[in-house]
Amino acid sequence: MLTVSNLRKTFNVGTVNEVRALRGVSLELPEGAFLVILGGNGSGKSTLLNAVAGSFRLDAGEIHLAGQKVTRWPEHRRARLIGRVFQNPFTGTAPTMSIAENLALAARRGQRRKLGWALPRNLMDELRDRVSQLKMSLEDRLDNAIGTLSGGQRQALTLLMATWLKPALLLLDEHTAALDPKSADLVLRVTEEIITRHRLTTLMVTHSMQQAANLGDRIVIMHKGAVAYRFTGADKQRLGANDLLARFEDLRRREMLDETAAALLRETYL
């Protein structure tokens, strides 16, 4: 369903701020799979997600999605295949429009516009039914402006909007990082239920080891723009948050050893 091959991207080439953000990243995500990408700041996890979304042009590599080579597709064209939920719960919605109006826009994405009632009764019935599945008591508040809701409520509705038409790929960009713990737990519950119900192919970026251990059927740990570890199947299911923490400690030790070796070489030859 999703294949990325040898992705490379360097920002600010030739300057003191040069950053090799992706260093030959490759992965495959079959239909219905749920991949969690874990990594620290600067590991390349968000850059990888943005590369898949088409937010910038790659230096090298290829991306195939839903049987199509999308490497050179602009972001707006890929959006026909991709649903995305951002970190900020106020991104991706129109705050002054009602819950119903925001959801109606999501339901009609890609359709030709025509004259008629903006929210016909049959659509309102469907909106109410789907919102009720969130179990957040919002189905009787469809006329409320979405900007008046809490961050957790809004993020749950944004997730519903992103998946309304069952995208070929769902991208979750640290979508609970800006929420308080209670709201984050609520949104994660909704996330699991929607992904499971619709068998969505999902790529989720997080820095939470607990989320990575509890969600999805595979994990990739990124470090310095490359894939450091991959876990699938039984190997993934056996992992706990402490096991993932141990992998990060191992990466940190290896990095310290590399720096020590480089310092010794400098002392020897300078």
C-alpha atoms as a PDB file:
ATOM      1  CA  MET A   1       0.000   0.000   0.000  1.00  0.00           C
ATOM      2  CA  LEU A   2       2.818   2.424   0.952  1.00  0.00           C
ATOM      3  CA  THR A   3       6.413   1.916  -0.142  1.00  0.00           C
ATOM      4  CA  VAL A   4       9.203   4.405   0.428  1.00  0.00           C
ATOM      5  CA  SER A   5      12.608   3.623  -1.050  1.00  0.00           C
ATOM      6  CA  ASN A   6      15.945   5.219  -0.179  1.00  0.00           C
ATOM      7  CA  LEU A   7      14.519   8.612   0.801  1.00  0.00           C
ATOM      8  CA  ARG A   8      17.135  11.330   1.190  1.00  0.00           C
ATOM      9  CA  LYS A   9      16.731  14.950   2.152  1.00  0.00           C
ATOM     10  CA  THR A  10      19.237  17.586   3.268  1.00  0.00           C
ATOM     11  CA  PHE A  11      18.106  21.038   4.312  1.00  0.00           C
ATOM     12  CA  ASN A  12      20.230  24.221   4.052  1.00  0.00           C
ATOM     13  CA  VAL A  13      22.826  22.522   1.860  1.00  0.00           C
ATOM     14  CA  GLY A  14      26.301  24.036   2.003  1.00  0.00           C
ATOM     15  CA  THR A  15      25.595  26.258   5.012  1.00  0.00           C
ATOM     16  CA  VAL A  16      26.513  26.053   8.687  1.00  0.00           C
ATOM     17  CA  ASN A  17      22.890  25.038   9.273  1.00  0.00           C
ATOM     18  CA  GLU A  18      23.022  22.024   6.960  1.00  0.00           C
ATOM     19  CA  VAL A  19      20.916  19.139   8.265  1.00  0.00           C
ATOM     20  CA  ARG A  20      20.841  15.660   6.751  1.00  0.00           C
ATOM     21  CA  ALA A  21      17.264  14.936   7.772  1.00  0.00           C
ATOM     22  CA  LEU A  22      16.702  11.686   5.849  1.00  0.00           C
ATOM     23  CA  ARG A  23      19.563   9.306   5.077  1.00  0.00           C
ATOM     24  CA  GLY A  24      18.326   6.525   2.821  1.00  0.00           C
ATOM     25  CA  VAL A  25      15.078   5.636   4.607  1.00  0.00           C
ATOM     26  CA  SER A  26      13.138   2.666   3.195  1.00  0.00           C
ATOM     27  CA  LEU A  27      10.028   0.936   4.510  1.00  0.00           C
ATOM     28  CA  GLU A  28       6.919  -0.907   3.362  1.00  0.00           C
ATOM     29  CA  LEU A  29       3.473  -0.631   4.870  1.00  0.00           C
ATOM     30  CA  PRO A  30       0.912  -3.182   3.627  1.00  0.00           C
ATOM     31  CA  GLU A  31      -2.789  -2.389   3.445  1.00  0.00           C
ATOM     32  CA  GLY A  32      -4.403  -2.225   6.880  1.00  0.00           C
ATOM     33  CA  ALA A  33      -1.080  -2.036   8.735  1.00  0.00           C
ATOM     34  CA  PHE A  34      -0.499   0.434  11.572  1.00  0.00           C
ATOM     35  CA  LEU A  35       3.095   1.656  11.820  1.00  0.00           C
ATOM     36  CA  VAL A  36       4.288   3.745  14.756  1.00  0.00           C
ATOM     37  CA  ILE A  37       7.419   5.806  14.121  1.00  0.00           C
ATOM     38  CA  LEU A  38       9.285   6.612  17.307  1.00  0.00           C
ATOM     39  CA  GLY A  39      12.233   8.924  17.750  1.00  0.00           C
ATOM     40  CA  GLY A  40      13.667  11.859  19.622  1.00  0.00           C
ATOM     41  CA  ASN A  41      13.927  15.455  18.451  1.00  0.00           C
ATOM     42  CA  GLY A  42      15.872  15.648  15.204  1.00  0.00           C
ATOM     43  CA  SER A  43      15.581  11.926  14.481  1.00  0.00           C
ATOM     44  CA  GLY A  44      13.797  12.505  11.168  1.00  0.00           C
ATOM     45  CA  LYS A  45      10.423  11.029  12.099  1.00  0.00           C
ATOM     46  CA  SER A  46       8.383  14.150  11.274  1.00  0.00           C
ATOM     47  CA  THR A  47      10.487  14.784   8.174  1.00  0.00           C
ATOM     48  CA  LEU A  48       9.619  11.283   6.963  1.00  0.00           C
ATOM     49  CA  LEU A  49       5.919  11.913   7.513  1.00  0.00           C
ATOM     50  CA  ASN A  50       6.156  15.251   5.665  1.00  0.00           C
ATOM     51  CA  ALA A  51       7.999  13.536   2.823  1.00  0.00           C
ATOM     52  CA  VAL A  52       5.136  11.060   2.441  1.00  0.00           C
ATOM     53  CA  ALA A  53       2.616  13.920   2.568  1.00  0.00           C
ATOM     54  CA  GLY A  54       4.523  15.815  -0.144  1.00  0.00           C
ATOM     55  CA  SER A  55       5.432  18.862   1.931  1.00  0.00           C
ATOM     56  CA  PHE A  56       8.786  19.241   0.145  1.00  0.00           C
ATOM     57  CA  ARG A  57      10.733  17.833  -2.790  1.00  0.00           C
ATOM     58  CA  LEU A  58      13.090  14.957  -2.009  1.00  0.00           C
ATOM     59  CA  ASP A  59      16.755  14.911  -2.971  1.00  0.00           C
ATOM     60  CA  ALA A  60      16.483  11.216  -3.859  1.00  0.00           C
ATOM     61  CA  GLY A  61      14.212   8.210  -3.427  1.00  0.00           C
ATOM     62  CA  GLU A  62      10.742   7.111  -4.468  1.00  0.00           C
ATOM     63  CA  ILE A  63       7.308   6.937  -2.844  1.00  0.00           C
ATOM     64  CA  HIS A  64       4.505   4.637  -4.018  1.00  0.00           C
ATOM     65  CA  LEU A  65       1.023   4.875  -2.522  1.00  0.00           C
ATOM     66  CA  ALA A  66      -2.106   2.907  -3.463  1.00  0.00           C
ATOM     67  CA  GLY A  67      -0.432   1.512  -6.551  1.00  0.00           C
ATOM     68  CA  GLN A  68       0.723   4.894  -7.852  1.00  0.00           C
ATOM     69  CA  LYS A  69       4.119   6.528  -7.947  1.00  0.00           C
ATOM     70  CA  VAL A  70       3.517   9.796  -6.099  1.00  0.00           C
ATOM     71  CA  THR A  71       7.126  10.933  -5.639  1.00  0.00           C
ATOM     72  CA  ARG A  72       6.667  14.088  -7.712  1.00  0.00           C
ATOM     73  CA  TRP A  73       3.022  14.723  -6.877  1.00  0.00           C
ATOM     74  CA  PRO A  74       2.423  18.043  -5.100  1.00  0.00           C
ATOM     75  CA  GLU A  75       0.940  17.966  -1.624  1.00  0.00           C
ATOM     76  CA  HIS A  76      -2.578  18.966  -2.714  1.00  0.00           C
ATOM     77  CA  ARG A  77      -2.730  16.089  -5.194  1.00  0.00           C
ATOM     78  CA  ARG A  78      -1.587  13.535  -2.611  1.00  0.00           C
ATOM     79  CA  ALA A  79      -4.256  14.885  -0.235  1.00  0.00           C
ATOM     80  CA  ARG A  80      -6.837  12.987  -2.313  1.00  0.00           C
ATOM     81  CA  LEU A  81      -5.305   9.759  -1.001  1.00  0.00           C
ATOM     82  CA  ILE A  82      -4.181  10.911   2.440  1.00  0.00           C
ATOM     83  CA  GLY A  83      -5.988  11.897   5.616  1.00  0.00           C
ATOM     84  CA  ARG A  84      -3.854  13.799   8.097  1.00  0.00           C
ATOM     85  CA  VAL A  85      -4.190  14.925  11.703  1.00  0.00           C
ATOM     86  CA  PHE A  86      -1.663  17.462  12.946  1.00  0.00           C
ATOM     87  CA  GLN A  87      -0.201  18.091  16.390  1.00  0.00           C
ATOM     88  CA  ASN A  88      -2.123  21.315  16.894  1.00  0.00           C
ATOM     89  CA  PRO A  89      -5.821  20.539  17.556  1.00  0.00           C
ATOM     90  CA  PHE A  90      -6.736  23.859  15.912  1.00  0.00           C
ATOM     91  CA  THR A  91      -5.198  22.943  12.554  1.00  0.00           C
ATOM     92  CA  GLY A  92      -7.343  21.491   9.794  1.00  0.00           C
ATOM     93  CA  THR A  93     -10.716  22.934  10.825  1.00  0.00           C
ATOM     94  CA  ALA A  94     -12.598  26.202  10.324  1.00  0.00           C
ATOM     95  CA  PRO A  95     -13.067  27.487  13.906  1.00  0.00           C
ATOM     96  CA  THR A  96     -15.987  29.837  13.225  1.00  0.00           C
ATOM     97  CA  MET A  97     -17.976  27.202  11.335  1.00  0.00           C
ATOM     98  CA  SER A  98     -20.183  24.713  13.157  1.00  0.00           C
ATOM     99  CA  ILE A  99     -19.312  21.090  13.854  1.00  0.00           C
ATOM    100  CA  ALA A 100     -21.834  20.050  11.206  1.00  0.00           C
ATOM    101  CA  GLU A 101     -20.444  22.446   8.585  1.00  0.00           C
ATOM    102  CA  ASN A 102     -16.869  21.267   9.159  1.00  0.00           C
ATOM    103  CA  LEU A 103     -17.901  17.624   8.883  1.00  0.00           C
ATOM    104  CA  ALA A 104     -19.988  18.343   5.774  1.00  0.00           C
ATOM    105  CA  LEU A 105     -16.910  19.788   4.059  1.00  0.00           C
ATOM    106  CA  ALA A 106     -14.994  16.607   4.894  1.00  0.00           C
ATOM    107  CA  ALA A 107     -17.857  14.423   3.610  1.00  0.00           C
ATOM    108  CA  ARG A 108     -17.886  16.279   0.285  1.00  0.00           C
ATOM    109  CA  ARG A 109     -14.157  16.520  -0.265  1.00  0.00           C
ATOM    110  CA  GLY A 110     -13.327  15.993  -3.925  1.00  0.00           C
ATOM    111  CA  GLN A 111     -16.936  16.264  -5.081  1.00  0.00           C
ATOM    112  CA  ARG A 112     -18.194  18.867  -7.526  1.00  0.00           C
ATOM    113  CA  ARG A 113     -19.992  21.736  -5.895  1.00  0.00           C
ATOM    114  CA  LYS A 114     -23.628  22.324  -6.817  1.00  0.00           C
ATOM    115  CA  LEU A 115     -26.628  24.333  -5.732  1.00  0.00           C
ATOM    116  CA  GLY A 116     -28.815  22.872  -3.008  1.00  0.00           C
ATOM    117  CA  TRP A 117     -29.341  22.763   0.735  1.00  0.00           C
ATOM    118  CA  ALA A 118     -25.965  22.997   2.484  1.00  0.00           C
ATOM    119  CA  LEU A 119     -26.924  20.421   5.106  1.00  0.00           C
ATOM    120  CA  PRO A 120     -29.789  18.206   3.889  1.00  0.00           C
ATOM    121  CA  ARG A 121     -31.598  16.046   6.427  1.00  0.00           C
ATOM    122  CA  ASN A 122     -30.019  12.771   5.262  1.00  0.00           C
ATOM    123  CA  LEU A 123     -26.529  14.236   5.694  1.00  0.00           C
ATOM    124  CA  MET A 124     -27.397  15.610   9.128  1.00  0.00           C
ATOM    125  CA  ASP A 125     -28.605  12.170  10.173  1.00  0.00           C
ATOM    126  CA  GLU A 126     -25.311  10.640   9.040  1.00  0.00           C
ATOM    127  CA  LEU A 127     -23.307  13.352  10.809  1.00  0.00           C
ATOM    128  CA  ARG A 128     -25.199  12.789  14.045  1.00  0.00           C
ATOM    129  CA  ASP A 129     -24.704   9.018  13.808  1.00  0.00           C
ATOM    130  CA  ARG A 130     -20.974   9.234  13.195  1.00  0.00           C
ATOM    131  CA  VAL A 131     -20.387  11.860  15.871  1.00  0.00           C
ATOM    132  CA  SER A 132     -22.296   9.743  18.381  1.00  0.00           C
ATOM    133  CA  GLN A 133     -19.756   6.946  17.807  1.00  0.00           C
ATOM    134  CA  LEU A 134     -17.121   9.193  19.395  1.00  0.00           C
ATOM    135  CA  LYS A 135     -19.003   8.813  22.701  1.00  0.00           C
ATOM    136  CA  MET A 136     -18.298  12.430  23.611  1.00  0.00           C
ATOM    137  CA  SER A 137     -21.921  13.725  23.736  1.00  0.00           C
ATOM    138  CA  LEU A 138     -21.327  16.031  20.766  1.00  0.00           C
ATOM    139  CA  GLU A 139     -24.105  14.698  18.531  1.00  0.00           C
ATOM    140  CA  ASP A 140     -26.584  17.186  20.037  1.00  0.00           C
ATOM    141  CA  ARG A 141     -24.171  20.105  19.647  1.00  0.00           C
ATOM    142  CA  LEU A 142     -23.674  20.007  15.877  1.00  0.00           C
ATOM    143  CA  ASP A 143     -24.643  23.678  15.561  1.00  0.00           C
ATOM    144  CA  ASN A 144     -21.864  24.778  17.944  1.00  0.00           C
ATOM    145  CA  ALA A 145     -18.836  26.499  16.442  1.00  0.00           C
ATOM    146  CA  ILE A 146     -16.006  23.980  16.422  1.00  0.00           C
ATOM    147  CA  GLY A 147     -13.658  26.637  17.802  1.00  0.00           C
ATOM    148  CA  THR A 148     -15.564  26.673  21.099  1.00  0.00           C
ATOM    149  CA  LEU A 149     -14.680  23.045  21.880  1.00  0.00           C
ATOM    150  CA  SER A 150     -11.841  21.737  24.028  1.00  0.00           C
ATOM    151  CA  GLY A 151      -8.614  20.608  22.382  1.00  0.00           C
ATOM    152  CA  GLY A 152      -9.461  16.930  22.895  1.00  0.00           C
ATOM    153  CA  GLN A 153     -12.963  17.279  21.457  1.00  0.00           C
ATOM    154  CA  ARG A 154     -11.676  19.186  18.483  1.00  0.00           C
ATOM    155  CA  GLN A 155      -8.882  16.715  17.818  1.00  0.00           C
ATOM    156  CA  ALA A 156     -11.348  13.816  17.912  1.00  0.00           C
ATOM    157  CA  LEU A 157     -13.546  15.599  15.359  1.00  0.00           C
ATOM    158  CA  THR A 158     -10.499  16.386  13.211  1.00  0.00           C
ATOM    159  CA  LEU A 159      -9.694  12.676  13.211  1.00  0.00           C
ATOM    160  CA  LEU A 160     -13.274  11.934  12.161  1.00  0.00           C
ATOM    161  CA  MET A 161     -12.985  14.469   9.328  1.00  0.00           C
ATOM    162  CA  ALA A 162      -9.639  13.077   8.143  1.00  0.00           C
ATOM    163  CA  THR A 163     -11.064   9.544   7.914  1.00  0.00           C
ATOM    164  CA  TRP A 164     -14.611  10.308   6.717  1.00  0.00           C
ATOM    165  CA  LEU A 165     -13.929   9.102   3.160  1.00  0.00           C
ATOM    166  CA  LYS A 166     -11.548   6.275   4.219  1.00  0.00           C
ATOM    167  CA  PRO A 167      -8.211   7.540   2.887  1.00  0.00           C
ATOM    168  CA  ALA A 168      -5.650   5.204   1.373  1.00  0.00           C
ATOM    169  CA  LEU A 169      -3.282   6.354   4.140  1.00  0.00           C
ATOM    170  CA  LEU A 170      -3.840   8.058   7.489  1.00  0.00           C
ATOM    171  CA  LEU A 171      -1.006  10.214   8.830  1.00  0.00           C
ATOM    172  CA  LEU A 172      -1.000  11.045  12.538  1.00  0.00           C
ATOM    173  CA  ASP A 173       1.561  13.732  13.294  1.00  0.00           C
ATOM    174  CA  GLU A 174       2.079  13.563  17.098  1.00  0.00           C
ATOM    175  CA  HIS A 175      -1.642  14.266  17.270  1.00  0.00           C
ATOM    176  CA  THR A 176      -1.890  14.024  21.077  1.00  0.00           C
ATOM    177  CA  ALA A 177       1.317  15.870  21.999  1.00  0.00           C
ATOM    178  CA  ALA A 178      -0.432  19.211  22.639  1.00  0.00           C
ATOM    179  CA  LEU A 179      -3.196  17.702  24.810  1.00  0.00           C
ATOM    180  CA  ASP A 180      -3.419  17.161  28.554  1.00  0.00           C
ATOM    181  CA  PRO A 181      -3.130  13.487  29.648  1.00  0.00           C
ATOM    182  CA  LYS A 182      -6.888  12.937  30.023  1.00  0.00           C
ATOM    183  CA  SER A 183      -7.661  14.430  26.594  1.00  0.00           C
ATOM    184  CA  ALA A 184      -4.765  12.510  25.031  1.00  0.00           C
ATOM    185  CA  ASP A 185      -6.141   9.219  26.383  1.00  0.00           C
ATOM    186  CA  LEU A 186      -9.576  10.075  25.001  1.00  0.00           C
ATOM    187  CA  VAL A 187      -8.197  10.885  21.542  1.00  0.00           C
ATOM    188  CA  LEU A 188      -6.111   7.699  21.526  1.00  0.00           C
ATOM    189  CA  ARG A 189      -9.237   5.665  22.289  1.00  0.00           C
ATOM    190  CA  VAL A 190     -11.042   7.303  19.377  1.00  0.00           C
ATOM    191  CA  THR A 191      -7.975   6.773  17.179  1.00  0.00           C
ATOM    192  CA  GLU A 192      -7.858   3.043  17.863  1.00  0.00           C
ATOM    193  CA  GLU A 193     -11.597   2.614  17.350  1.00  0.00           C
ATOM    194  CA  ILE A 194     -11.661   4.448  13.996  1.00  0.00           C
ATOM    195  CA  ILE A 195      -8.554   2.716  12.640  1.00  0.00           C
ATOM    196  CA  THR A 196      -9.842  -0.706  13.669  1.00  0.00           C
ATOM    197  CA  ARG A 197     -13.391  -0.098  12.409  1.00  0.00           C
ATOM    198  CA  HIS A 198     -12.268   1.021   8.946  1.00  0.00           C
ATOM    199  CA  ARG A 199      -9.073  -1.067   8.723  1.00  0.00           C
ATOM    200  CA  LEU A 200      -7.087   2.041   7.878  1.00  0.00           C
ATOM    201  CA  THR A 201      -3.486   1.915   6.750  1.00  0.00           C
ATOM    202  CA  THR A 202      -1.846   4.222   9.272  1.00  0.00           C
ATOM    203  CA  LEU A 203       1.483   5.913   9.874  1.00  0.00           C
ATOM    204  CA  MET A 204       1.736   7.529  13.291  1.00  0.00           C
ATOM    205  CA  VAL A 205       4.622   9.664  14.543  1.00  0.00           C
ATOM    206  CA  THR A 206       5.140   9.953  18.289  1.00  0.00           C
ATOM    207  CA  HIS A 207       7.782  10.579  20.916  1.00  0.00           C
ATOM    208  CA  SER A 208       5.820   8.601  23.520  1.00  0.00           C
ATOM    209  CA  MET A 209       7.231   5.156  24.208  1.00  0.00           C
ATOM    210  CA  GLN A 210       4.037   4.154  25.992  1.00  0.00           C
ATOM    211  CA  GLN A 211       1.964   4.988  22.904  1.00  0.00           C
ATOM    212  CA  ALA A 212       4.412   3.147  20.667  1.00  0.00           C
ATOM    213  CA  ALA A 213       4.245   0.057  22.868  1.00  0.00           C
ATOM    214  CA  ASN A 214       0.441   0.050  23.092  1.00  0.00           C
ATOM    215  CA  LEU A 215      -0.581   0.990  19.556  1.00  0.00           C
ATOM    216  CA  GLY A 216      -0.110  -0.440  16.096  1.00  0.00           C
ATOM    217  CA  ASP A 217       1.276  -3.707  14.783  1.00  0.00           C
ATOM    218  CA  ARG A 218       4.794  -2.516  13.925  1.00  0.00           C
ATOM    219  CA  ILE A 219       7.360   0.009  15.145  1.00  0.00           C
ATOM    220  CA  VAL A 220      10.237   1.837  13.524  1.00  0.00           C
ATOM    221  CA  ILE A 221      12.752   3.704  15.689  1.00  0.00           C
ATOM    222  CA  MET A 222      14.545   6.494  13.872  1.00  0.00           C
ATOM    223  CA  HIS A 223      17.856   8.096  14.795  1.00  0.00           C
ATOM    224  CA  LYS A 224      19.738  10.823  12.940  1.00  0.00           C
ATOM    225  CA  GLY A 225      17.628  10.503   9.808  1.00  0.00           C
ATOM    226  CA  ALA A 226      17.877   6.722   9.474  1.00  0.00           C
ATOM    227  CA  VAL A 227      15.981   3.654  10.642  1.00  0.00           C
ATOM    228  CA  ALA A 228      17.771   2.248  13.683  1.00  0.00           C
ATOM    229  CA  TYR A 229      15.325  -0.539  14.642  1.00  0.00           C
ATOM    230  CA  ARG A 230      12.284  -2.288  13.140  1.00  0.00           C
ATOM    231  CA  PHE A 231       9.831  -4.483  15.026  1.00  0.00           C
ATOM    232  CA  THR A 232       6.829  -6.357  13.609  1.00  0.00           C
ATOM    233  CA  GLY A 233       4.561  -9.242  14.569  1.00  0.00           C
ATOM    234  CA  ALA A 234       5.387 -11.098  17.774  1.00  0.00           C
ATOM    235  CA  ASP A 235       8.558  -9.043  18.281  1.00  0.00           C
ATOM    236  CA  LYS A 236       6.483  -5.884  18.393  1.00  0.00           C
ATOM    237  CA  GLN A 237       3.831  -7.361  20.666  1.00  0.00           C
ATOM    238  CA  ARG A 238       6.445  -8.358  23.229  1.00  0.00           C
ATOM    239  CA  LEU A 239       7.845  -4.833  23.493  1.00  0.00           C
ATOM    240  CA  GLY A 240       7.016  -2.633  26.459  1.00  0.00           C
ATOM    241  CA  ALA A 241       7.885   0.985  27.093  1.00  0.00           C
ATOM    242  CA  ASN A 242      10.967  -0.054  29.115  1.00  0.00           C
ATOM    243  CA  ASP A 243      12.199  -2.231  26.233  1.00  0.00           C
ATOM    244  CA  LEU A 244      11.937   0.736  23.874  1.00  0.00           C
ATOM    245  CA  LEU A 245      13.732   2.943  26.375  1.00  0.00           C
ATOM    246  CA  ALA A 246      16.561   0.390  26.452  1.00  0.00           C
ATOM    247  CA  ARG A 247      16.924   0.674  22.667  1.00  0.00           C
ATOM    248  CA  PHE A 248      17.289   4.440  22.967  1.00  0.00           C
ATOM    249  CA  GLU A 249      19.881   4.027  25.709  1.00  0.00           C
ATOM    250  CA  ASP A 250      21.767   1.660  23.430  1.00  0.00           C
ATOM    251  CA  LEU A 251      21.741   4.247  20.634  1.00  0.00           C
ATOM    252  CA  ARG A 252      22.966   6.875  23.062  1.00  0.00           C
ATOM    253  CA  ARG A 253      25.830   4.644  24.274  1.00  0.00           C
ATOM    254  CA  ARG A 254      26.889   3.871  20.718  1.00  0.00           C
ATOM    255  CA  GLU A 255      26.871   7.566  19.891  1.00  0.00           C
ATOM    256  CA  MET A 256      29.022   8.332  22.925  1.00  0.00           C
ATOM    257  CA  LEU A 257      31.471   5.597  21.928  1.00  0.00           C
ATOM    258  CA  ASP A 258      31.719   7.051  18.423  1.00  0.00           C
ATOM    259  CA  GLU A 259      32.429  10.502  19.846  1.00  0.00           C
ATOM    260  CA  THR A 260      35.058   9.077  22.227  1.00  0.00           C
ATOM    261  CA  ALA A 261      36.774   7.229  19.378  1.00  0.00           C
ATOM    262  CA  ALA A 262      36.837  10.394  17.268  1.00  0.00           C
ATOM    263  CA  ALA A 263      38.338  12.375  20.155  1.00  0.00           C
ATOM    264  CA  LEU A 264      41.056   9.740  20.652  1.00  0.00           C
ATOM    265  CA  LEU A 265      41.932   9.867  16.968  1.00  0.00           C
ATOM    266  CA  ARG A 266      42.179  13.646  17.097  1.00  0.00           C
ATOM    267  CA  GLU A 267      44.489  13.432  20.125  1.00  0.00           C
ATOM    268  CA  THR A 268      46.638  10.814  18.385  1.00  0.00           C
ATOM    269  CA  TYR A 269      47.120  12.535  15.065  1.00  0.00           C
ATOM    270  CA  LEU A 270      47.004  16.239  15.930  1.00  0.00           C
END
